[in-house]
């Protein structure tokens, strides 16, 4: 009710996300936001979870799945402030930056 009383109800989503992140941290669950071009199958999700657990040394990973066709292919994973970009658009951007830095 405090958000309503202070006319800040538009922040409810952010407050809920922050609370969820704190609760997950307390339960030793890492939240991985995964963006892909299409929906990931259950098998792909489990394989990704397994690989992320191994990479992060985490006991439990929870995936938050998003679909974004603008990444062209592959996927992007964000865990906290760490971003793993395995997308085609990310690779193209890296190539573009490399070619721009090369002097002829």
PDB file of N, CA and C in Angstrom:
ATOM      1  N   UNK A   1       0.804  -1.189   0.000  1.00  0.00           N
ATOM      2  CA  UNK A   1       0.000   0.000   0.000  1.00  0.00           C
ATOM      3  C   UNK A   1       0.852   1.260   0.000  1.00  0.00           C
ATOM      4  N   UNK A   2       2.097   1.130   0.437  1.00  0.00           N
ATOM      5  CA  UNK A   2       2.963   2.294   0.487  1.00  0.00           C
ATOM      6  C   UNK A   2       3.174   2.877  -0.910  1.00  0.00           C
ATOM      7  N   UNK A   3       3.321   2.018  -1.907  1.00  0.00           N
ATOM      8  CA  UNK A   3       3.498   2.515  -3.272  1.00  0.00           C
ATOM      9  C   UNK A   3       2.275   3.293  -3.739  1.00  0.00           C
ATOM     10  N   UNK A   4       1.097   2.841  -3.358  1.00  0.00           N
ATOM     11  CA  UNK A   4      -0.132   3.538  -3.722  1.00  0.00           C
ATOM     12  C   UNK A   4      -0.218   4.861  -2.979  1.00  0.00           C
ATOM     13  N   UNK A   5       0.054   4.813  -1.671  1.00  0.00           N
ATOM     14  CA  UNK A   5      -0.025   6.034  -0.850  1.00  0.00           C
ATOM     15  C   UNK A   5       0.946   7.109  -1.327  1.00  0.00           C
ATOM     16  N   UNK A   6       2.097   6.694  -1.786  1.00  0.00           N
ATOM     17  CA  UNK A   6       3.120   7.651  -2.231  1.00  0.00           C
ATOM     18  C   UNK A   6       3.034   7.922  -3.733  1.00  0.00           C
ATOM     19  N   UNK A   7       1.968   7.414  -4.387  1.00  0.00           N
ATOM     20  CA  UNK A   7       1.755   7.607  -5.826  1.00  0.00           C
ATOM     21  C   UNK A   7       2.954   7.110  -6.646  1.00  0.00           C
ATOM     22  N   UNK A   8       3.422   5.902  -6.305  1.00  0.00           N
ATOM     23  CA  UNK A   8       4.575   5.289  -6.981  1.00  0.00           C
ATOM     24  C   UNK A   8       4.238   3.888  -7.496  1.00  0.00           C
ATOM     25  N   UNK A   9       2.984   3.640  -7.777  1.00  0.00           N
ATOM     26  CA  UNK A   9       2.544   2.308  -8.174  1.00  0.00           C
ATOM     27  C   UNK A   9       3.229   1.841  -9.462  1.00  0.00           C
ATOM     28  N   UNK A  10       3.692   2.764 -10.296  1.00  0.00           N
ATOM     29  CA  UNK A  10       4.374   2.372 -11.539  1.00  0.00           C
ATOM     30  C   UNK A  10       5.685   1.634 -11.272  1.00  0.00           C
ATOM     31  N   UNK A  11       6.186   1.702 -10.048  1.00  0.00           N
ATOM     32  CA  UNK A  11       7.432   1.016  -9.698  1.00  0.00           C
ATOM     33  C   UNK A  11       7.203  -0.387  -9.139  1.00  0.00           C
ATOM     34  N   UNK A  12       5.957  -0.828  -9.088  1.00  0.00           N
ATOM     35  CA  UNK A  12       5.638  -2.130  -8.514  1.00  0.00           C
ATOM     36  C   UNK A  12       6.389  -3.276  -9.206  1.00  0.00           C
ATOM     37  N   UNK A  13       6.466  -3.248 -10.526  1.00  0.00           N
ATOM     38  CA  UNK A  13       7.182  -4.289 -11.269  1.00  0.00           C
ATOM     39  C   UNK A  13       8.653  -4.343 -10.891  1.00  0.00           C
ATOM     40  N   UNK A  14       9.291  -3.201 -10.788  1.00  0.00           N
ATOM     41  CA  UNK A  14      10.699  -3.140 -10.420  1.00  0.00           C
ATOM     42  C   UNK A  14      10.929  -3.632  -8.996  1.00  0.00           C
ATOM     43  N   UNK A  15      10.033  -3.262  -8.091  1.00  0.00           N
ATOM     44  CA  UNK A  15      10.134  -3.708  -6.700  1.00  0.00           C
ATOM     45  C   UNK A  15       9.986  -5.225  -6.627  1.00  0.00           C
ATOM     46  N   UNK A  16       9.019  -5.764  -7.369  1.00  0.00           N
ATOM     47  CA  UNK A  16       8.806  -7.215  -7.381  1.00  0.00           C
ATOM     48  C   UNK A  16      10.023  -7.939  -7.949  1.00  0.00           C
ATOM     49  N   UNK A  17      10.613  -7.409  -9.021  1.00  0.00           N
ATOM     50  CA  UNK A  17      11.814  -8.019  -9.604  1.00  0.00           C
ATOM     51  C   UNK A  17      12.985  -7.984  -8.634  1.00  0.00           C
ATOM     52  N   UNK A  18      13.162  -6.869  -7.948  1.00  0.00           N
ATOM     53  CA  UNK A  18      14.253  -6.747  -6.977  1.00  0.00           C
ATOM     54  C   UNK A  18      14.051  -7.721  -5.824  1.00  0.00           C
ATOM     55  N   UNK A  19      12.830  -7.842  -5.344  1.00  0.00           N
ATOM     56  CA  UNK A  19      12.535  -8.783  -4.265  1.00  0.00           C
ATOM     57  C   UNK A  19      12.805 -10.211  -4.717  1.00  0.00           C
ATOM     58  N   UNK A  20      12.379 -10.546  -5.927  1.00  0.00           N
ATOM     59  CA  UNK A  20      12.599 -11.888  -6.469  1.00  0.00           C
ATOM     60  C   UNK A  20      14.093 -12.186  -6.574  1.00  0.00           C
ATOM     61  N   UNK A  21      14.869 -11.206  -7.018  1.00  0.00           N
ATOM     62  CA  UNK A  21      16.320 -11.390  -7.139  1.00  0.00           C
ATOM     63  C   UNK A  21      16.956 -11.618  -5.770  1.00  0.00           C
ATOM     64  N   UNK A  22      16.525 -10.859  -4.765  1.00  0.00           N
ATOM     65  CA  UNK A  22      17.058 -11.040  -3.413  1.00  0.00           C
ATOM     66  C   UNK A  22      16.681 -12.403  -2.833  1.00  0.00           C
ATOM     67  N   UNK A  23      15.442 -12.819  -3.052  1.00  0.00           N
ATOM     68  CA  UNK A  23      14.998 -14.128  -2.556  1.00  0.00           C
ATOM     69  C   UNK A  23      15.769 -15.251  -3.241  1.00  0.00           C
ATOM     70  N   UNK A  24      16.013 -15.110  -4.539  1.00  0.00           N
ATOM     71  CA  UNK A  24      16.778 -16.120  -5.281  1.00  0.00           C
ATOM     72  C   UNK A  24      18.216 -16.182  -4.793  1.00  0.00           C
ATOM     73  N   UNK A  25      18.793 -15.018  -4.532  1.00  0.00           N
ATOM     74  CA  UNK A  25      20.173 -14.977  -4.039  1.00  0.00           C
ATOM     75  C   UNK A  25      20.261 -15.667  -2.686  1.00  0.00           C
ATOM     76  N   UNK A  26      19.295 -15.427  -1.839  1.00  0.00           N
ATOM     77  CA  UNK A  26      19.272 -16.056  -0.516  1.00  0.00           C
ATOM     78  C   UNK A  26      19.145 -17.572  -0.634  1.00  0.00           C
ATOM     79  N   UNK A  27      18.431 -18.041  -1.642  1.00  0.00           N
ATOM     80  CA  UNK A  27      18.233 -19.482  -1.853  1.00  0.00           C
ATOM     81  C   UNK A  27      19.323 -20.079  -2.736  1.00  0.00           C
ATOM     82  N   UNK A  28      20.379 -19.316  -3.025  1.00  0.00           N
ATOM     83  CA  UNK A  28      21.496 -19.758  -3.881  1.00  0.00           C
ATOM     84  C   UNK A  28      21.042 -20.129  -5.286  1.00  0.00           C
ATOM     85  N   UNK A  29      20.101 -19.354  -5.817  1.00  0.00           N
ATOM     86  CA  UNK A  29      19.636 -19.543  -7.187  1.00  0.00           C
ATOM     87  C   UNK A  29      20.112 -18.351  -8.005  1.00  0.00           C
ATOM     88  N   UNK A  30      20.790 -18.632  -9.109  1.00  0.00           N
ATOM     89  CA  UNK A  30      21.206 -17.559 -10.004  1.00  0.00           C
ATOM     90  C   UNK A  30      20.174 -17.442 -11.115  1.00  0.00           C
ATOM     91  N   UNK A  31      19.787 -16.213 -11.419  1.00  0.00           N
ATOM     92  CA  UNK A  31      18.805 -15.944 -12.467  1.00  0.00           C
ATOM     93  C   UNK A  31      19.556 -15.620 -13.753  1.00  0.00           C
ATOM     94  N   UNK A  32      19.271 -16.398 -14.809  1.00  0.00           N
ATOM     95  CA  UNK A  32      19.887 -16.172 -16.115  1.00  0.00           C
ATOM     96  C   UNK A  32      18.802 -15.733 -17.089  1.00  0.00           C
ATOM     97  N   UNK A  33      18.920 -14.501 -17.571  1.00  0.00           N
ATOM     98  CA  UNK A  33      17.998 -14.011 -18.589  1.00  0.00           C
ATOM     99  C   UNK A  33      18.545 -14.432 -19.941  1.00  0.00           C
ATOM    100  N   UNK A  34      17.791 -15.264 -20.644  1.00  0.00           N
ATOM    101  CA  UNK A  34      18.233 -15.818 -21.923  1.00  0.00           C
ATOM    102  C   UNK A  34      17.360 -15.259 -23.035  1.00  0.00           C
ATOM    103  N   UNK A  35      18.003 -14.594 -23.995  1.00  0.00           N
ATOM    104  CA  UNK A  35      17.295 -14.050 -25.145  1.00  0.00           C
ATOM    105  C   UNK A  35      17.706 -14.851 -26.367  1.00  0.00           C
ATOM    106  N   UNK A  36      16.717 -15.366 -27.088  1.00  0.00           N
ATOM    107  CA  UNK A  36      16.974 -16.139 -28.299  1.00  0.00           C
ATOM    108  C   UNK A  36      16.008 -15.704 -29.393  1.00  0.00           C
ATOM    109  N   UNK A  37      16.268 -16.150 -30.615  1.00  0.00           N
ATOM    110  CA  UNK A  37      15.424 -15.786 -31.748  1.00  0.00           C
ATOM    111  C   UNK A  37      14.082 -16.500 -31.680  1.00  0.00           C
ATOM    112  N   UNK A  38      14.099 -17.750 -31.235  1.00  0.00           N
ATOM    113  CA  UNK A  38      12.877 -18.541 -31.112  1.00  0.00           C
ATOM    114  C   UNK A  38      12.815 -19.131 -29.710  1.00  0.00           C
ATOM    115  N   UNK A  39      11.695 -19.724 -29.381  1.00  0.00           N
ATOM    116  CA  UNK A  39      11.553 -20.375 -28.080  1.00  0.00           C
ATOM    117  C   UNK A  39      12.497 -21.562 -27.997  1.00  0.00           C
ATOM    118  N   UNK A  40      13.158 -21.735 -26.852  1.00  0.00           N
ATOM    119  CA  UNK A  40      14.049 -22.865 -26.639  1.00  0.00           C
ATOM    120  C   UNK A  40      13.235 -24.080 -26.209  1.00  0.00           C
ATOM    121  N   UNK A  41      13.603 -25.242 -26.735  1.00  0.00           N
ATOM    122  CA  UNK A  41      12.930 -26.475 -26.334  1.00  0.00           C
ATOM    123  C   UNK A  41      13.334 -26.822 -24.904  1.00  0.00           C
ATOM    124  N   UNK A  42      12.595 -27.737 -24.289  1.00  0.00           N
ATOM    125  CA  UNK A  42      12.920 -28.178 -22.926  1.00  0.00           C
ATOM    126  C   UNK A  42      14.323 -28.769 -22.877  1.00  0.00           C
ATOM    127  N   UNK A  43      14.678 -29.513 -23.903  1.00  0.00           N
ATOM    128  CA  UNK A  43      16.016 -30.123 -23.965  1.00  0.00           C
ATOM    129  C   UNK A  43      17.097 -29.045 -24.041  1.00  0.00           C
ATOM    130  N   UNK A  44      16.877 -28.031 -24.865  1.00  0.00           N
ATOM    131  CA  UNK A  44      17.846 -26.937 -24.981  1.00  0.00           C
ATOM    132  C   UNK A  44      17.972 -26.188 -23.665  1.00  0.00           C
ATOM    133  N   UNK A  45      16.845 -25.975 -22.980  1.00  0.00           N
ATOM    134  CA  UNK A  45      16.865 -25.274 -21.702  1.00  0.00           C
ATOM    135  C   UNK A  45      17.670 -26.052 -20.662  1.00  0.00           C
ATOM    136  N   UNK A  46      17.459 -27.346 -20.595  1.00  0.00           N
ATOM    137  CA  UNK A  46      18.179 -28.172 -19.617  1.00  0.00           C
ATOM    138  C   UNK A  46      19.672 -28.204 -19.916  1.00  0.00           C
ATOM    139  N   UNK A  47      20.032 -28.306 -21.190  1.00  0.00           N
ATOM    140  CA  UNK A  47      21.454 -28.314 -21.565  1.00  0.00           C
ATOM    141  C   UNK A  47      22.101 -26.969 -21.223  1.00  0.00           C
ATOM    142  N   UNK A  48      21.386 -25.881 -21.497  1.00  0.00           N
ATOM    143  CA  UNK A  48      21.904 -24.552 -21.178  1.00  0.00           C
ATOM    144  C   UNK A  48      22.068 -24.391 -19.669  1.00  0.00           C
ATOM    145  N   UNK A  49      21.082 -24.828 -18.897  1.00  0.00           N
ATOM    146  CA  UNK A  49      21.184 -24.764 -17.432  1.00  0.00           C
ATOM    147  C   UNK A  49      22.405 -25.517 -16.943  1.00  0.00           C
ATOM    148  N   UNK A  50      22.593 -26.718 -17.471  1.00  0.00           N
ATOM    149  CA  UNK A  50      23.727 -27.548 -17.062  1.00  0.00           C
ATOM    150  C   UNK A  50      25.052 -26.852 -17.365  1.00  0.00           C
ATOM    151  N   UNK A  51      25.164 -26.297 -18.558  1.00  0.00           N
ATOM    152  CA  UNK A  51      26.401 -25.603 -18.940  1.00  0.00           C
ATOM    153  C   UNK A  51      26.635 -24.355 -18.097  1.00  0.00           C
ATOM    154  N   UNK A  52      25.569 -23.610 -17.803  1.00  0.00           N
ATOM    155  CA  UNK A  52      25.708 -22.408 -16.984  1.00  0.00           C
ATOM    156  C   UNK A  52      26.075 -22.749 -15.545  1.00  0.00           C
ATOM    157  N   UNK A  53      25.498 -23.824 -15.006  1.00  0.00           N
ATOM    158  CA  UNK A  53      25.872 -24.267 -13.656  1.00  0.00           C
ATOM    159  C   UNK A  53      27.359 -24.554 -13.593  1.00  0.00           C
ATOM    160  N   UNK A  54      27.848 -25.270 -14.592  1.00  0.00           N
ATOM    161  CA  UNK A  54      29.267 -25.624 -14.640  1.00  0.00           C
ATOM    162  C   UNK A  54      30.140 -24.375 -14.796  1.00  0.00           C
ATOM    163  N   UNK A  55      29.737 -23.487 -15.685  1.00  0.00           N
ATOM    164  CA  UNK A  55      30.499 -22.263 -15.943  1.00  0.00           C
ATOM    165  C   UNK A  55      30.540 -21.351 -14.726  1.00  0.00           C
ATOM    166  N   UNK A  56      29.410 -21.218 -14.039  1.00  0.00           N
ATOM    167  CA  UNK A  56      29.311 -20.297 -12.910  1.00  0.00           C
ATOM    168  C   UNK A  56      29.628 -20.941 -11.567  1.00  0.00           C
ATOM    169  N   UNK A  57      29.727 -22.279 -11.542  1.00  0.00           N
ATOM    170  CA  UNK A  57      29.933 -22.970 -10.278  1.00  0.00           C
ATOM    171  C   UNK A  57      28.722 -22.825  -9.375  1.00  0.00           C
ATOM    172  N   UNK A  58      27.553 -22.737  -9.982  1.00  0.00           N
ATOM    173  CA  UNK A  58      26.310 -22.521  -9.245  1.00  0.00           C
ATOM    174  C   UNK A  58      25.619 -23.843  -8.973  1.00  0.00           C
ATOM    175  N   UNK A  59      24.885 -23.885  -7.876  1.00  0.00           N
ATOM    176  CA  UNK A  59      24.139 -25.101  -7.563  1.00  0.00           C
ATOM    177  C   UNK A  59      22.789 -25.108  -8.266  1.00  0.00           C
ATOM    178  N   UNK A  60      22.258 -23.929  -8.567  1.00  0.00           N
ATOM    179  CA  UNK A  60      20.965 -23.874  -9.224  1.00  0.00           C
ATOM    180  C   UNK A  60      20.879 -22.630 -10.104  1.00  0.00           C
ATOM    181  N   UNK A  61      20.374 -22.817 -11.315  1.00  0.00           N
ATOM    182  CA  UNK A  61      20.181 -21.730 -12.270  1.00  0.00           C
ATOM    183  C   UNK A  61      18.709 -21.711 -12.658  1.00  0.00           C
ATOM    184  N   UNK A  62      18.113 -20.534 -12.635  1.00  0.00           N
ATOM    185  CA  UNK A  62      16.743 -20.377 -13.103  1.00  0.00           C
ATOM    186  C   UNK A  62      16.780 -19.537 -14.369  1.00  0.00           C
ATOM    187  N   UNK A  63      16.152 -20.029 -15.428  1.00  0.00           N
ATOM    188  CA  UNK A  63      16.139 -19.316 -16.702  1.00  0.00           C
ATOM    189  C   UNK A  63      14.901 -18.440 -16.815  1.00  0.00           C
ATOM    190  N   UNK A  64      15.120 -17.218 -17.273  1.00  0.00           N
ATOM    191  CA  UNK A  64      14.038 -16.319 -17.646  1.00  0.00           C
ATOM    192  C   UNK A  64      14.188 -16.148 -19.150  1.00  0.00           C
ATOM    193  N   UNK A  65      13.235 -16.682 -19.900  1.00  0.00           N
ATOM    194  CA  UNK A  65      13.359 -16.751 -21.356  1.00  0.00           C
ATOM    195  C   UNK A  65      12.669 -15.580 -22.040  1.00  0.00           C
ATOM    196  N   UNK A  66      13.359 -15.036 -23.041  1.00  0.00           N
ATOM    197  CA  UNK A  66      12.813 -13.952 -23.857  1.00  0.00           C
ATOM    198  C   UNK A  66      13.077 -14.296 -25.318  1.00  0.00           C
ATOM    199  N   UNK A  67      12.202 -13.838 -26.190  1.00  0.00           N
ATOM    200  CA  UNK A  67      12.379 -14.034 -27.627  1.00  0.00           C
ATOM    201  C   UNK A  67      12.573 -12.665 -28.265  1.00  0.00           C
ATOM    202  N   UNK A  68      13.642 -12.547 -29.078  1.00  0.00           N
ATOM    203  CA  UNK A  68      13.943 -11.291 -29.773  1.00  0.00           C
ATOM    204  C   UNK A  68      14.513 -11.625 -31.147  1.00  0.00           C
ATOM    205  N   UNK A  69      13.711 -11.530 -32.201  1.00  0.00           N
ATOM    206  CA  UNK A  69      14.187 -11.884 -33.539  1.00  0.00           C
ATOM    207  C   UNK A  69      15.288 -10.964 -34.070  1.00  0.00           C
ATOM    208  N   UNK A  70      15.504  -9.816 -33.438  1.00  0.00           N
ATOM    209  CA  UNK A  70      16.527  -8.893 -33.947  1.00  0.00           C
ATOM    210  C   UNK A  70      17.945  -9.378 -33.686  1.00  0.00           C
ATOM    211  N   UNK A  71      18.127 -10.415 -32.851  1.00  0.00           N
ATOM    212  CA  UNK A  71      19.490 -10.903 -32.627  1.00  0.00           C
ATOM    213  C   UNK A  71      19.930 -11.852 -33.740  1.00  0.00           C
ATOM    214  N   UNK A  72      19.022 -12.152 -34.675  1.00  0.00           N
ATOM    215  CA  UNK A  72      19.275 -12.890 -35.919  1.00  0.00           C
ATOM    216  C   UNK A  72      19.557 -14.381 -35.743  1.00  0.00           C
ATOM    217  N   UNK A  73      20.208 -14.785 -34.698  1.00  0.00           N
ATOM    218  CA  UNK A  73      20.526 -16.193 -34.457  1.00  0.00           C
ATOM    219  C   UNK A  73      21.300 -16.307 -33.167  1.00  0.00           C
ATOM    220  N   UNK A  74      21.395 -17.524 -32.641  1.00  0.00           N
ATOM    221  CA  UNK A  74      22.123 -17.736 -31.395  1.00  0.00           C
ATOM    222  C   UNK A  74      21.321 -17.270 -30.191  1.00  0.00           C
ATOM    223  N   UNK A  75      22.037 -16.846 -29.149  1.00  0.00           N
ATOM    224  CA  UNK A  75      21.369 -16.393 -27.930  1.00  0.00           C
ATOM    225  C   UNK A  75      22.291 -15.496 -27.121  1.00  0.00           C
ATOM    226  N   UNK A  76      21.690 -14.769 -26.179  1.00  0.00           N
ATOM    227  CA  UNK A  76      22.415 -13.899 -25.257  1.00  0.00           C
ATOM    228  C   UNK A  76      21.977 -14.283 -23.854  1.00  0.00           C
ATOM    229  N   UNK A  77      22.956 -14.444 -22.949  1.00  0.00           N
ATOM    230  CA  UNK A  77      22.658 -14.786 -21.560  1.00  0.00           C
ATOM    231  C   UNK A  77      23.164 -13.660 -20.676  1.00  0.00           C
ATOM    232  N   UNK A  78      22.305 -13.189 -19.768  1.00  0.00           N
ATOM    233  CA  UNK A  78      22.726 -12.192 -18.790  1.00  0.00           C
ATOM    234  C   UNK A  78      22.457 -12.742 -17.399  1.00  0.00           C
ATOM    235  N   UNK A  79      23.524 -12.811 -16.600  1.00  0.00           N
ATOM    236  CA  UNK A  79      23.422 -13.207 -15.197  1.00  0.00           C
ATOM    237  C   UNK A  79      24.032 -12.068 -14.395  1.00  0.00           C
ATOM    238  N   UNK A  80      23.184 -11.345 -13.704  1.00  0.00           N
ATOM    239  CA  UNK A  80      23.669 -10.168 -12.986  1.00  0.00           C
ATOM    240  C   UNK A  80      24.211  -9.158 -13.981  1.00  0.00           C
ATOM    241  N   UNK A  81      25.455  -8.735 -13.793  1.00  0.00           N
ATOM    242  CA  UNK A  81      26.062  -7.776 -14.716  1.00  0.00           C
ATOM    243  C   UNK A  81      26.897  -8.454 -15.795  1.00  0.00           C
ATOM    244  N   UNK A  82      26.973  -9.786 -15.767  1.00  0.00           N
ATOM    245  CA  UNK A  82      27.725 -10.539 -16.777  1.00  0.00           C
ATOM    246  C   UNK A  82      26.843 -10.844 -17.980  1.00  0.00           C
ATOM    247  N   UNK A  83      27.379 -10.600 -19.171  1.00  0.00           N
ATOM    248  CA  UNK A  83      26.647 -10.882 -20.405  1.00  0.00           C
ATOM    249  C   UNK A  83      27.494 -11.789 -21.282  1.00  0.00           C
ATOM    250  N   UNK A  84      26.887 -12.891 -21.707  1.00  0.00           N
ATOM    251  CA  UNK A  84      27.517 -13.808 -22.653  1.00  0.00           C
ATOM    252  C   UNK A  84      26.743 -13.683 -23.959  1.00  0.00           C
ATOM    253  N   UNK A  85      27.372 -13.119 -24.978  1.00  0.00           N
ATOM    254  CA  UNK A  85      26.677 -12.856 -26.240  1.00  0.00           C
ATOM    255  C   UNK A  85      27.136 -13.855 -27.292  1.00  0.00           C
ATOM    256  N   UNK A  86      26.271 -14.809 -27.582  1.00  0.00           N
ATOM    257  CA  UNK A  86      26.528 -15.802 -28.616  1.00  0.00           C
ATOM    258  C   UNK A  86      25.574 -15.594 -29.786  1.00  0.00           C
ATOM    259  N   UNK A  87      25.164 -14.342 -29.992  1.00  0.00           N
ATOM    260  CA  UNK A  87      24.199 -14.037 -31.047  1.00  0.00           C
ATOM    261  C   UNK A  87      24.911 -13.673 -32.346  1.00  0.00           C
ATOM    262  N   UNK A  88      24.194 -13.846 -33.428  1.00  0.00           N
ATOM    263  CA  UNK A  88      24.722 -13.471 -34.728  1.00  0.00           C
ATOM    264  C   UNK A  88      24.868 -11.961 -34.829  1.00  0.00           C
ATOM    265  N   UNK A  89      23.914 -11.228 -34.293  1.00  0.00           N
ATOM    266  CA  UNK A  89      24.019  -9.765 -34.340  1.00  0.00           C
ATOM    267  C   UNK A  89      25.216  -9.277 -33.528  1.00  0.00           C
ATOM    268  N   UNK A  90      25.501  -9.943 -32.403  1.00  0.00           N
ATOM    269  CA  UNK A  90      26.672  -9.594 -31.599  1.00  0.00           C
ATOM    270  C   UNK A  90      27.974  -9.867 -32.345  1.00  0.00           C
ATOM    271  N   UNK A  91      28.024 -11.011 -33.037  1.00  0.00           N
ATOM    272  CA  UNK A  91      29.225 -11.349 -33.813  1.00  0.00           C
ATOM    273  C   UNK A  91      29.424 -10.351 -34.948  1.00  0.00           C
ATOM    274  N   UNK A  92      28.341  -9.969 -35.619  1.00  0.00           N
ATOM    275  CA  UNK A  92      28.444  -8.985 -36.705  1.00  0.00           C
ATOM    276  C   UNK A  92      28.910  -7.632 -36.181  1.00  0.00           C
ATOM    277  N   UNK A  93      28.414  -7.244 -35.007  1.00  0.00           N
ATOM    278  CA  UNK A  93      28.828  -5.969 -34.409  1.00  0.00           C
ATOM    279  C   UNK A  93      30.315  -5.993 -34.054  1.00  0.00           C
ATOM    280  N   UNK A  94      30.808  -7.133 -33.532  1.00  0.00           N
ATOM    281  CA  UNK A  94      32.234  -7.265 -33.226  1.00  0.00           C
ATOM    282  C   UNK A  94      33.072  -7.148 -34.495  1.00  0.00           C
ATOM    283  N   UNK A  95      32.611  -7.790 -35.580  1.00  0.00           N
ATOM    284  CA  UNK A  95      33.337  -7.706 -36.854  1.00  0.00           C
ATOM    285  C   UNK A  95      33.349  -6.271 -37.360  1.00  0.00           C
ATOM    286  N   UNK A  96      32.212  -5.601 -37.263  1.00  0.00           N
ATOM    287  CA  UNK A  96      32.128  -4.212 -37.711  1.00  0.00           C
ATOM    288  C   UNK A  96      33.100  -3.332 -36.931  1.00  0.00           C
ATOM    289  N   UNK A  97      33.134  -3.498 -35.610  1.00  0.00           N
ATOM    290  CA  UNK A  97      34.056  -2.722 -34.773  1.00  0.00           C
ATOM    291  C   UNK A  97      35.503  -3.013 -35.135  1.00  0.00           C
ATOM    292  N   UNK A  98      35.809  -4.278 -35.413  1.00  0.00           N
ATOM    293  CA  UNK A  98      37.170  -4.653 -35.779  1.00  0.00           C
ATOM    294  C   UNK A  98      37.577  -3.981 -37.087  1.00  0.00           C
ATOM    295  N   UNK A  99      36.694  -4.038 -38.096  1.00  0.00           N
ATOM    296  CA  UNK A  99      37.017  -3.451 -39.382  1.00  0.00           C
ATOM    297  C   UNK A  99      37.116  -1.935 -39.313  1.00  0.00           C
ATOM    298  N   UNK A 100      36.341  -1.315 -38.446  1.00  0.00           N
ATOM    299  CA  UNK A 100      36.411   0.129 -38.270  1.00  0.00           C
ATOM    300  C   UNK A 100      37.712   0.551 -37.601  1.00  0.00           C
ATOM    301  N   UNK A 101      38.284  -0.344 -36.782  1.00  0.00           N
ATOM    302  CA  UNK A 101      39.516   0.000 -36.088  1.00  0.00           C
ATOM    303  C   UNK A 101      40.758  -0.220 -36.947  1.00  0.00           C
ATOM    304  N   UNK A 102      40.612  -0.949 -38.045  1.00  0.00           N
ATOM    305  CA  UNK A 102      41.752  -1.230 -38.927  1.00  0.00           C
ATOM    306  C   UNK A 102      41.931  -0.036 -39.860  1.00  0.00           C
ATOM    307  N   UNK A 103      43.163   0.442 -39.922  1.00  0.00           N
ATOM    308  CA  UNK A 103      43.460   1.550 -40.834  1.00  0.00           C
ATOM    309  C   UNK A 103      44.053   1.004 -42.118  1.00  0.00           C
ATOM    310  N   UNK A 104      43.643   1.587 -43.207  1.00  0.00           N
ATOM    311  CA  UNK A 104      44.140   1.142 -44.522  1.00  0.00           C
ATOM    312  C   UNK A 104      45.240   2.044 -45.018  1.00  0.00           C
TER     313      UNK A 104
END
